[in-house]
Amino acid sequence: MDIAKLLLFTDEQLKIVSEIPVESLDQEQLNLAFAETIIEACEKLLIQRQNAEDAIDFYKTVTKACDNVDSTARSPR
């Protein structure tokens, strides 16, 4: 499996995989170390996506506030 394909997962898919308990997997069918790596990668991707969304929202808020201040400063009194 190409682990880079995890980047194509939706947030919901990442959440589902990240919530799989490693102990619930069959160690005879799966390499548990690899499965744990996949689960951890999904957790990290989900956190990174949320952090990116938060940063974008913060930037939009700051930009809007600056625009409001600029327009108030320019308006005649």
PDB file of N, CA and C in Angstrom:
ATOM      1  N   MET A   1       0.842  -1.185   0.000  1.00  0.00           N
ATOM      2  CA  MET A   1       0.000   0.000   0.000  1.00  0.00           C
ATOM      3  C   MET A   1       0.882   1.242   0.000  1.00  0.00           C
ATOM      4  N   ASP A   2       0.520   2.197  -0.838  1.00  0.00           N
ATOM      5  CA  ASP A   2       1.209   3.484  -0.872  1.00  0.00           C
ATOM      6  C   ASP A   2       0.577   4.370   0.191  1.00  0.00           C
ATOM      7  N   ILE A   3       1.327   4.636   1.242  1.00  0.00           N
ATOM      8  CA  ILE A   3       0.788   5.392   2.380  1.00  0.00           C
ATOM      9  C   ILE A   3       0.383   6.807   1.980  1.00  0.00           C
ATOM     10  N   ALA A   4       0.926   7.314   0.875  1.00  0.00           N
ATOM     11  CA  ALA A   4       0.568   8.659   0.401  1.00  0.00           C
ATOM     12  C   ALA A   4      -0.902   8.732  -0.011  1.00  0.00           C
ATOM     13  N   LYS A   5      -1.508   7.603  -0.298  1.00  0.00           N
ATOM     14  CA  LYS A   5      -2.929   7.588  -0.673  1.00  0.00           C
ATOM     15  C   LYS A   5      -3.826   8.029   0.479  1.00  0.00           C
ATOM     16  N   LEU A   6      -3.296   8.016   1.687  1.00  0.00           N
ATOM     17  CA  LEU A   6      -4.073   8.493   2.836  1.00  0.00           C
ATOM     18  C   LEU A   6      -4.455   9.959   2.663  1.00  0.00           C
ATOM     19  N   LEU A   7      -3.652  10.700   1.920  1.00  0.00           N
ATOM     20  CA  LEU A   7      -3.946  12.114   1.681  1.00  0.00           C
ATOM     21  C   LEU A   7      -5.259  12.299   0.932  1.00  0.00           C
ATOM     22  N   LEU A   8      -5.690  11.278   0.221  1.00  0.00           N
ATOM     23  CA  LEU A   8      -6.931  11.354  -0.549  1.00  0.00           C
ATOM     24  C   LEU A   8      -8.163  11.030   0.292  1.00  0.00           C
ATOM     25  N   PHE A   9      -7.950  10.542   1.506  1.00  0.00           N
ATOM     26  CA  PHE A   9      -9.076  10.199   2.377  1.00  0.00           C
ATOM     27  C   PHE A   9      -9.836  11.459   2.778  1.00  0.00           C
ATOM     28  N   THR A  10     -11.144  11.308   2.947  1.00  0.00           N
ATOM     29  CA  THR A  10     -11.952  12.405   3.482  1.00  0.00           C
ATOM     30  C   THR A  10     -11.700  12.487   4.988  1.00  0.00           C
ATOM     31  N   ASP A  11     -12.125  13.574   5.586  1.00  0.00           N
ATOM     32  CA  ASP A  11     -11.986  13.705   7.038  1.00  0.00           C
ATOM     33  C   ASP A  11     -12.722  12.576   7.755  1.00  0.00           C
ATOM     34  N   GLU A  12     -13.884  12.218   7.239  1.00  0.00           N
ATOM     35  CA  GLU A  12     -14.671  11.144   7.859  1.00  0.00           C
ATOM     36  C   GLU A  12     -13.919   9.815   7.780  1.00  0.00           C
ATOM     37  N   GLN A  13     -13.306   9.523   6.639  1.00  0.00           N
ATOM     38  CA  GLN A  13     -12.536   8.287   6.493  1.00  0.00           C
ATOM     39  C   GLN A  13     -11.333   8.279   7.437  1.00  0.00           C
ATOM     40  N   LEU A  14     -10.654   9.415   7.528  1.00  0.00           N
ATOM     41  CA  LEU A  14      -9.510   9.504   8.442  1.00  0.00           C
ATOM     42  C   LEU A  14      -9.949   9.267   9.881  1.00  0.00           C
ATOM     43  N   LYS A  15     -11.083   9.842  10.249  1.00  0.00           N
ATOM     44  CA  LYS A  15     -11.596   9.684  11.611  1.00  0.00           C
ATOM     45  C   LYS A  15     -11.916   8.218  11.901  1.00  0.00           C
ATOM     46  N   ILE A  16     -12.562   7.562  10.952  1.00  0.00           N
ATOM     47  CA  ILE A  16     -12.922   6.149  11.141  1.00  0.00           C
ATOM     48  C   ILE A  16     -11.673   5.307  11.356  1.00  0.00           C
ATOM     49  N   VAL A  17     -10.670   5.496  10.503  1.00  0.00           N
ATOM     50  CA  VAL A  17      -9.440   4.706  10.626  1.00  0.00           C
ATOM     51  C   VAL A  17      -8.712   5.039  11.924  1.00  0.00           C
ATOM     52  N   SER A  18      -8.657   6.314  12.277  1.00  0.00           N
ATOM     53  CA  SER A  18      -7.913   6.708  13.478  1.00  0.00           C
ATOM     54  C   SER A  18      -8.541   6.188  14.764  1.00  0.00           C
ATOM     55  N   GLU A  19      -9.812   5.817  14.703  1.00  0.00           N
ATOM     56  CA  GLU A  19     -10.500   5.317  15.900  1.00  0.00           C
ATOM     57  C   GLU A  19     -10.464   3.792  16.028  1.00  0.00           C
ATOM     58  N   ILE A  20      -9.805   3.114  15.095  1.00  0.00           N
ATOM     59  CA  ILE A  20      -9.716   1.650  15.165  1.00  0.00           C
ATOM     60  C   ILE A  20      -8.729   1.260  16.267  1.00  0.00           C
ATOM     61  N   PRO A  21      -9.186   0.489  17.246  1.00  0.00           N
ATOM     62  CA  PRO A  21      -8.240   0.022  18.264  1.00  0.00           C
ATOM     63  C   PRO A  21      -7.330  -1.065  17.667  1.00  0.00           C
ATOM     64  N   VAL A  22      -6.044  -0.897  17.802  1.00  0.00           N
ATOM     65  CA  VAL A  22      -5.087  -1.850  17.234  1.00  0.00           C
ATOM     66  C   VAL A  22      -5.322  -3.244  17.798  1.00  0.00           C
ATOM     67  N   GLU A  23      -5.731  -3.293  19.063  1.00  0.00           N
ATOM     68  CA  GLU A  23      -5.950  -4.593  19.714  1.00  0.00           C
ATOM     69  C   GLU A  23      -7.083  -5.379  19.057  1.00  0.00           C
ATOM     70  N   SER A  24      -7.972  -4.683  18.363  1.00  0.00           N
ATOM     71  CA  SER A  24      -9.116  -5.361  17.752  1.00  0.00           C
ATOM     72  C   SER A  24      -8.760  -6.013  16.417  1.00  0.00           C
ATOM     73  N   LEU A  25      -7.556  -5.775  15.918  1.00  0.00           N
ATOM     74  CA  LEU A  25      -7.148  -6.312  14.623  1.00  0.00           C
ATOM     75  C   LEU A  25      -6.545  -7.700  14.781  1.00  0.00           C
ATOM     76  N   ASP A  26      -6.698  -8.506  13.766  1.00  0.00           N
ATOM     77  CA  ASP A  26      -6.173  -9.872  13.772  1.00  0.00           C
ATOM     78  C   ASP A  26      -4.699  -9.843  13.376  1.00  0.00           C
ATOM     79  N   GLN A  27      -3.839 -10.155  14.329  1.00  0.00           N
ATOM     80  CA  GLN A  27      -2.405 -10.083  14.067  1.00  0.00           C
ATOM     81  C   GLN A  27      -1.921 -11.163  13.108  1.00  0.00           C
ATOM     82  N   GLU A  28      -2.733 -12.183  12.873  1.00  0.00           N
ATOM     83  CA  GLU A  28      -2.342 -13.214  11.916  1.00  0.00           C
ATOM     84  C   GLU A  28      -2.617 -12.767  10.484  1.00  0.00           C
ATOM     85  N   GLN A  29      -3.563 -11.850  10.314  1.00  0.00           N
ATOM     86  CA  GLN A  29      -3.893 -11.358   8.975  1.00  0.00           C
ATOM     87  C   GLN A  29      -3.183 -10.051   8.646  1.00  0.00           C
ATOM     88  N   LEU A  30      -2.834  -9.290   9.668  1.00  0.00           N
ATOM     89  CA  LEU A  30      -2.245  -7.970   9.457  1.00  0.00           C
ATOM     90  C   LEU A  30      -0.940  -7.816  10.214  1.00  0.00           C
ATOM     91  N   ASN A  31      -0.071  -7.009   9.665  1.00  0.00           N
ATOM     92  CA  ASN A  31       1.127  -6.594  10.376  1.00  0.00           C
ATOM     93  C   ASN A  31       0.682  -5.468  11.302  1.00  0.00           C
ATOM     94  N   LEU A  32       0.596  -5.738  12.588  1.00  0.00           N
ATOM     95  CA  LEU A  32       0.063  -4.763  13.534  1.00  0.00           C
ATOM     96  C   LEU A  32       0.903  -3.493  13.618  1.00  0.00           C
ATOM     97  N   ALA A  33       2.198  -3.602  13.433  1.00  0.00           N
ATOM     98  CA  ALA A  33       3.048  -2.404  13.456  1.00  0.00           C
ATOM     99  C   ALA A  33       2.689  -1.494  12.283  1.00  0.00           C
ATOM    100  N   PHE A  34       2.460  -2.085  11.117  1.00  0.00           N
ATOM    101  CA  PHE A  34       2.069  -1.299   9.945  1.00  0.00           C
ATOM    102  C   PHE A  34       0.684  -0.693  10.156  1.00  0.00           C
ATOM    103  N   ALA A  35      -0.232  -1.482  10.693  1.00  0.00           N
ATOM    104  CA  ALA A  35      -1.585  -0.980  10.955  1.00  0.00           C
ATOM    105  C   ALA A  35      -1.541   0.188  11.936  1.00  0.00           C
ATOM    106  N   GLU A  36      -0.715   0.070  12.952  1.00  0.00           N
ATOM    107  CA  GLU A  36      -0.585   1.154  13.930  1.00  0.00           C
ATOM    108  C   GLU A  36      -0.004   2.411  13.275  1.00  0.00           C
ATOM    109  N   THR A  37       0.935   2.225  12.360  1.00  0.00           N
ATOM    110  CA  THR A  37       1.506   3.356  11.626  1.00  0.00           C
ATOM    111  C   THR A  37       0.435   4.052  10.796  1.00  0.00           C
ATOM    112  N   ILE A  38      -0.422   3.279  10.151  1.00  0.00           N
ATOM    113  CA  ILE A  38      -1.511   3.838   9.342  1.00  0.00           C
ATOM    114  C   ILE A  38      -2.484   4.608  10.236  1.00  0.00           C
ATOM    115  N   ILE A  39      -2.844   4.019  11.354  1.00  0.00           N
ATOM    116  CA  ILE A  39      -3.781   4.661  12.289  1.00  0.00           C
ATOM    117  C   ILE A  39      -3.202   5.985  12.797  1.00  0.00           C
ATOM    118  N   GLU A  40      -1.930   5.973  13.183  1.00  0.00           N
ATOM    119  CA  GLU A  40      -1.285   7.199  13.665  1.00  0.00           C
ATOM    120  C   GLU A  40      -1.185   8.251  12.559  1.00  0.00           C
ATOM    121  N   ALA A  41      -0.901   7.817  11.342  1.00  0.00           N
ATOM    122  CA  ALA A  41      -0.822   8.753  10.213  1.00  0.00           C
ATOM    123  C   ALA A  41      -2.175   9.412   9.970  1.00  0.00           C
ATOM    124  N   CYS A  42      -3.240   8.633  10.081  1.00  0.00           N
ATOM    125  CA  CYS A  42      -4.588   9.184   9.905  1.00  0.00           C
ATOM    126  C   CYS A  42      -4.906  10.201  11.001  1.00  0.00           C
ATOM    127  N   GLU A  43      -4.519   9.894  12.223  1.00  0.00           N
ATOM    128  CA  GLU A  43      -4.729  10.839  13.333  1.00  0.00           C
ATOM    129  C   GLU A  43      -4.006  12.154  13.060  1.00  0.00           C
ATOM    130  N   LYS A  44      -2.749  12.062  12.631  1.00  0.00           N
ATOM    131  CA  LYS A  44      -1.950  13.264  12.373  1.00  0.00           C
ATOM    132  C   LYS A  44      -2.522  14.076  11.214  1.00  0.00           C
ATOM    133  N   LEU A  45      -2.938  13.395  10.156  1.00  0.00           N
ATOM    134  CA  LEU A  45      -3.527  14.104   9.015  1.00  0.00           C
ATOM    135  C   LEU A  45      -4.790  14.848   9.418  1.00  0.00           C
ATOM    136  N   LEU A  46      -5.602  14.207  10.222  1.00  0.00           N
ATOM    137  CA  LEU A  46      -6.841  14.836  10.688  1.00  0.00           C
ATOM    138  C   LEU A  46      -6.531  16.093  11.511  1.00  0.00           C
ATOM    139  N   ILE A  47      -5.565  15.999  12.389  1.00  0.00           N
ATOM    140  CA  ILE A  47      -5.162  17.151  13.204  1.00  0.00           C
ATOM    141  C   ILE A  47      -4.594  18.258  12.319  1.00  0.00           C
ATOM    142  N   GLN A  48      -3.757  17.895  11.357  1.00  0.00           N
ATOM    143  CA  GLN A  48      -3.171  18.899  10.465  1.00  0.00           C
ATOM    144  C   GLN A  48      -4.240  19.604   9.644  1.00  0.00           C
ATOM    145  N   ARG A  49      -5.212  18.857   9.166  1.00  0.00           N
ATOM    146  CA  ARG A  49      -6.297  19.474   8.398  1.00  0.00           C
ATOM    147  C   ARG A  49      -7.103  20.432   9.266  1.00  0.00           C
ATOM    148  N   GLN A  50      -7.376  20.029  10.495  1.00  0.00           N
ATOM    149  CA  GLN A  50      -8.131  20.899  11.397  1.00  0.00           C
ATOM    150  C   GLN A  50      -7.334  22.159  11.718  1.00  0.00           C
ATOM    151  N   ASN A  51      -6.035  22.003  11.948  1.00  0.00           N
ATOM    152  CA  ASN A  51      -5.184  23.162  12.216  1.00  0.00           C
ATOM    153  C   ASN A  51      -5.149  24.105  11.019  1.00  0.00           C
ATOM    154  N   ALA A  52      -5.099  23.549   9.820  1.00  0.00           N
ATOM    155  CA  ALA A  52      -5.100  24.377   8.611  1.00  0.00           C
ATOM    156  C   ALA A  52      -6.419  25.130   8.480  1.00  0.00           C
ATOM    157  N   GLU A  53      -7.528  24.450   8.736  1.00  0.00           N
ATOM    158  CA  GLU A  53      -8.842  25.108   8.689  1.00  0.00           C
ATOM    159  C   GLU A  53      -8.925  26.219   9.728  1.00  0.00           C
ATOM    160  N   ASP A  54      -8.424  25.956  10.930  1.00  0.00           N
ATOM    161  CA  ASP A  54      -8.428  26.973  11.989  1.00  0.00           C
ATOM    162  C   ASP A  54      -7.584  28.182  11.585  1.00  0.00           C
ATOM    163  N   ALA A  55      -6.431  27.935  10.974  1.00  0.00           N
ATOM    164  CA  ALA A  55      -5.560  29.031  10.544  1.00  0.00           C
ATOM    165  C   ALA A  55      -6.230  29.867   9.456  1.00  0.00           C
ATOM    166  N   ILE A  56      -6.899  29.213   8.525  1.00  0.00           N
ATOM    167  CA  ILE A  56      -7.611  29.932   7.460  1.00  0.00           C
ATOM    168  C   ILE A  56      -8.741  30.763   8.048  1.00  0.00           C
ATOM    169  N   ASP A  57      -9.500  30.180   8.965  1.00  0.00           N
ATOM    170  CA  ASP A  57     -10.589  30.924   9.614  1.00  0.00           C
ATOM    171  C   ASP A  57     -10.049  32.132  10.379  1.00  0.00           C
ATOM    172  N   PHE A  58      -8.941  31.948  11.076  1.00  0.00           N
ATOM    173  CA  PHE A  58      -8.321  33.048  11.814  1.00  0.00           C
ATOM    174  C   PHE A  58      -7.879  34.148  10.851  1.00  0.00           C
ATOM    175  N   TYR A  59      -7.252  33.765   9.749  1.00  0.00           N
ATOM    176  CA  TYR A  59      -6.802  34.738   8.749  1.00  0.00           C
ATOM    177  C   TYR A  59      -7.987  35.528   8.194  1.00  0.00           C
ATOM    178  N   LYS A  60      -9.076  34.833   7.893  1.00  0.00           N
ATOM    179  CA  LYS A  60     -10.271  35.511   7.379  1.00  0.00           C
ATOM    180  C   LYS A  60     -10.822  36.499   8.405  1.00  0.00           C
ATOM    181  N   THR A  61     -10.844  36.106   9.665  1.00  0.00           N
ATOM    182  CA  THR A  61     -11.343  36.981  10.729  1.00  0.00           C
ATOM    183  C   THR A  61     -10.472  38.225  10.864  1.00  0.00           C
ATOM    184  N   VAL A  62      -9.164  38.033  10.865  1.00  0.00           N
ATOM    185  CA  VAL A  62      -8.242  39.164  10.987  1.00  0.00           C
ATOM    186  C   VAL A  62      -8.364  40.079   9.771  1.00  0.00           C
ATOM    187  N   THR A  63      -8.437  39.506   8.585  1.00  0.00           N
ATOM    188  CA  THR A  63      -8.568  40.298   7.363  1.00  0.00           C
ATOM    189  C   THR A  63      -9.849  41.117   7.381  1.00  0.00           C
ATOM    190  N   LYS A  64     -10.935  40.486   7.802  1.00  0.00           N
ATOM    191  CA  LYS A  64     -12.220  41.194   7.867  1.00  0.00           C
ATOM    192  C   LYS A  64     -12.150  42.332   8.885  1.00  0.00           C
ATOM    193  N   ALA A  65     -11.549  42.073  10.031  1.00  0.00           N
ATOM    194  CA  ALA A  65     -11.422  43.107  11.060  1.00  0.00           C
ATOM    195  C   ALA A  65     -10.560  44.264  10.561  1.00  0.00           C
ATOM    196  N   CYS A  66      -9.481  43.953   9.873  1.00  0.00           N
ATOM    197  CA  CYS A  66      -8.614  45.004   9.321  1.00  0.00           C
ATOM    198  C   CYS A  66      -9.351  45.811   8.259  1.00  0.00           C
ATOM    199  N   ASP A  67     -10.132  45.142   7.428  1.00  0.00           N
ATOM    200  CA  ASP A  67     -10.919  45.838   6.409  1.00  0.00           C
ATOM    201  C   ASP A  67     -11.921  46.783   7.060  1.00  0.00           C
ATOM    202  N   ASN A  68     -12.540  46.322   8.140  1.00  0.00           N
ATOM    203  CA  ASN A  68     -13.501  47.169   8.863  1.00  0.00           C
ATOM    204  C   ASN A  68     -12.815  48.389   9.466  1.00  0.00           C
ATOM    205  N   VAL A  69     -11.641  48.198  10.035  1.00  0.00           N
ATOM    206  CA  VAL A  69     -10.892  49.310  10.623  1.00  0.00           C
ATOM    207  C   VAL A  69     -10.490  50.291   9.527  1.00  0.00           C
ATOM    208  N   ASP A  70     -10.008  49.763   8.398  1.00  0.00           N
ATOM    209  CA  ASP A  70      -9.600  50.623   7.284  1.00  0.00           C
ATOM    210  C   ASP A  70     -10.770  51.433   6.743  1.00  0.00           C
ATOM    211  N   SER A  71     -11.921  50.788   6.587  1.00  0.00           N
ATOM    212  CA  SER A  71     -13.080  51.503   6.037  1.00  0.00           C
ATOM    213  C   SER A  71     -13.599  52.548   7.025  1.00  0.00           C
ATOM    214  N   THR A  72     -13.499  52.268   8.306  1.00  0.00           N
ATOM    215  CA  THR A  72     -13.917  53.233   9.324  1.00  0.00           C
ATOM    216  C   THR A  72     -12.963  54.430   9.338  1.00  0.00           C
ATOM    217  N   ALA A  73     -11.690  54.171   9.185  1.00  0.00           N
ATOM    218  CA  ALA A  73     -10.688  55.240   9.203  1.00  0.00           C
ATOM    219  C   ALA A  73     -10.822  56.146   7.978  1.00  0.00           C
ATOM    220  N   ARG A  74     -11.267  55.602   6.863  1.00  0.00           N
ATOM    221  CA  ARG A  74     -11.401  56.372   5.629  1.00  0.00           C
ATOM    222  C   ARG A  74     -12.697  57.165   5.546  1.00  0.00           C
ATOM    223  N   SER A  75     -13.713  56.743   6.263  1.00  0.00           N
ATOM    224  CA  SER A  75     -15.015  57.413   6.142  1.00  0.00           C
ATOM    225  C   SER A  75     -14.963  58.795   6.791  1.00  0.00           C
ATOM    226  N   PRO A  76     -15.603  59.777   6.115  1.00  0.00           N
ATOM    227  CA  PRO A  76     -15.611  61.132   6.672  1.00  0.00           C
ATOM    228  C   PRO A  76     -16.461  61.195   7.934  1.00  0.00           C
ATOM    229  N   ARG A  77     -16.080  62.045   8.819  1.00  0.00           N
ATOM    230  CA  ARG A  77     -16.801  62.159  10.095  1.00  0.00           C
ATOM    231  C   ARG A  77     -17.657  63.366  10.111  1.00  0.00           C
TER     232      ARG A  77
END
